[in-house]
């Protein structure tokens, strides 16, 4: 599994089952599974964009997150509680998108 596929798998798994995610976006579950096991580079761009849109990220953010994963060899996790606050799934997803944005900006500054 390539880094992009690992990032997508992690984000999808946080939402629940891969099968229900695939069905919710009109993608056959076997197509999603193939994308995650064979690699994002072998998937059609339309399917990659469909998955990214459903996750609330851009393809560029996926690339940035994958690069960060390769550099760190892990995807950071966010605790469900912070200073006594409970976070909703939607808020956690927004935090993940913000983290990807900050990583992308950091990368741009380094270039």
Protein backbone atom coordinates (compact mmCIF):
# COMPACT_ATOMS: atom_id res chain seq x y z
CA UNK A 1 0.00 0.00 0.00
CA UNK A 2 1.48 3.35 -1.00
CA UNK A 3 1.52 6.39 1.29
CA UNK A 4 -1.50 8.03 -0.38
CA UNK A 5 -3.50 4.83 0.02
CA UNK A 6 -2.49 4.59 3.68
CA UNK A 7 -3.63 8.16 4.30
CA UNK A 8 -6.95 7.53 2.55
CA UNK A 9 -7.46 4.24 4.41
CA UNK A 10 -6.83 5.96 7.76
CA UNK A 11 -9.24 8.80 7.00
CA UNK A 12 -11.93 6.44 5.69
CA UNK A 13 -11.54 4.02 8.61
CA UNK A 14 -12.11 6.88 11.05
CA UNK A 15 -15.55 7.34 9.48
CA UNK A 16 -16.62 3.73 9.81
CA UNK A 17 -16.61 0.87 7.34
CA UNK A 18 -14.94 1.14 3.97
CA UNK A 19 -17.92 -0.58 2.35
CA UNK A 20 -20.44 1.97 3.64
CA UNK A 21 -18.11 4.85 2.70
CA UNK A 22 -17.75 3.52 -0.86
CA UNK A 23 -21.47 3.01 -1.23
CA UNK A 24 -22.22 6.48 0.15
CA UNK A 25 -20.17 8.08 -2.63
CA UNK A 26 -21.43 5.81 -5.41
CA UNK A 27 -18.22 3.81 -5.76
CA UNK A 28 -18.24 0.01 -5.83
CA UNK A 29 -16.59 -1.25 -2.62
CA UNK A 30 -14.30 -3.45 -4.72
CA UNK A 31 -13.05 -0.39 -6.59
CA UNK A 32 -12.24 1.39 -3.33
CA UNK A 33 -10.51 -1.71 -1.96
CA UNK A 34 -8.46 -2.00 -5.14
CA UNK A 35 -7.44 1.66 -4.84
CA UNK A 36 -6.29 1.10 -1.28
CA UNK A 37 -4.42 -2.16 -1.91
CA UNK A 38 -2.96 -1.60 -5.38
CA UNK A 39 -2.18 2.08 -4.83
CA UNK A 40 -3.79 5.39 -5.63
CA UNK A 41 -1.57 5.82 -8.69
CA UNK A 42 -3.32 2.91 -10.38
CA UNK A 43 -6.81 4.33 -9.76
CA UNK A 44 -8.63 6.63 -12.13
CA UNK A 45 -8.27 10.31 -11.35
CA UNK A 46 -12.05 10.60 -11.24
CA UNK A 47 -12.25 8.00 -8.47
CA UNK A 48 -9.40 9.59 -6.52
CA UNK A 49 -11.08 12.99 -6.74
CA UNK A 50 -14.42 11.48 -5.70
CA UNK A 51 -12.87 9.92 -2.59
CA UNK A 52 -10.97 13.10 -1.71
CA UNK A 53 -14.07 15.27 -2.12
CA UNK A 54 -16.05 12.96 0.16
CA UNK A 55 -13.31 13.22 2.77
CA UNK A 56 -13.28 17.01 2.49
CA UNK A 57 -9.71 17.22 1.20
CA UNK A 58 -8.13 18.17 -2.10
CA UNK A 59 -5.83 15.96 -4.12
CA UNK A 60 -3.05 18.40 -3.25
CA UNK A 61 -3.77 17.95 0.45
CA UNK A 62 -3.69 14.18 -0.02
CA UNK A 63 -0.26 14.54 -1.62
CA UNK A 64 0.95 16.70 1.25
CA UNK A 65 -0.43 14.31 3.87
CA UNK A 66 1.20 11.35 2.11
CA UNK A 67 4.54 13.13 1.98
CA UNK A 68 4.25 13.95 5.66
CA UNK A 69 3.41 10.31 6.40
CA UNK A 70 6.44 9.14 4.43
CA UNK A 71 8.63 11.56 6.37
CA UNK A 72 7.23 10.55 9.73
CA UNK A 73 6.17 6.98 8.86
CA UNK A 74 2.95 7.50 10.72
CA UNK A 75 -0.18 9.56 10.61
CA UNK A 76 -0.63 11.55 13.79
CA UNK A 77 -3.81 10.99 15.69
CA UNK A 78 -5.90 13.51 17.52
CA UNK A 79 -7.21 12.61 20.93
CA UNK A 80 -10.97 12.68 21.27
CA UNK A 81 -10.60 14.89 24.35
CA UNK A 82 -8.50 17.98 24.81
CA UNK A 83 -8.53 20.04 27.99
CA UNK A 84 -11.79 18.42 28.98
CA UNK A 85 -13.49 19.21 25.67
CA UNK A 86 -15.29 16.58 23.62
CA UNK A 87 -14.85 16.82 19.84
CA UNK A 88 -17.47 15.69 17.34
CA UNK A 89 -16.49 13.58 14.34
CA UNK A 90 -17.10 16.60 12.12
CA UNK A 91 -14.81 18.76 14.26
CA UNK A 92 -12.08 16.09 14.23
CA UNK A 93 -12.31 15.91 10.43
CA UNK A 94 -12.00 19.70 10.26
CA UNK A 95 -8.94 19.54 12.51
CA UNK A 96 -7.42 16.90 10.20
CA UNK A 97 -8.01 19.14 7.18
CA UNK A 98 -6.41 22.05 9.02
CA UNK A 99 -3.40 19.90 9.92
CA UNK A 100 -3.00 18.98 6.25
CA UNK A 101 -3.24 22.66 5.31
CA UNK A 102 -0.58 23.64 7.88
CA UNK A 103 1.73 20.87 6.62
CA UNK A 104 1.25 22.08 3.05
CA UNK A 105 2.09 25.67 4.07
CA UNK A 106 5.17 24.46 5.96
CA UNK A 107 6.33 22.59 2.88
CA UNK A 108 5.82 25.68 0.70
CA UNK A 109 7.91 27.80 3.09
CA UNK A 110 10.73 25.24 2.98
CA UNK A 111 10.86 25.32 -0.82
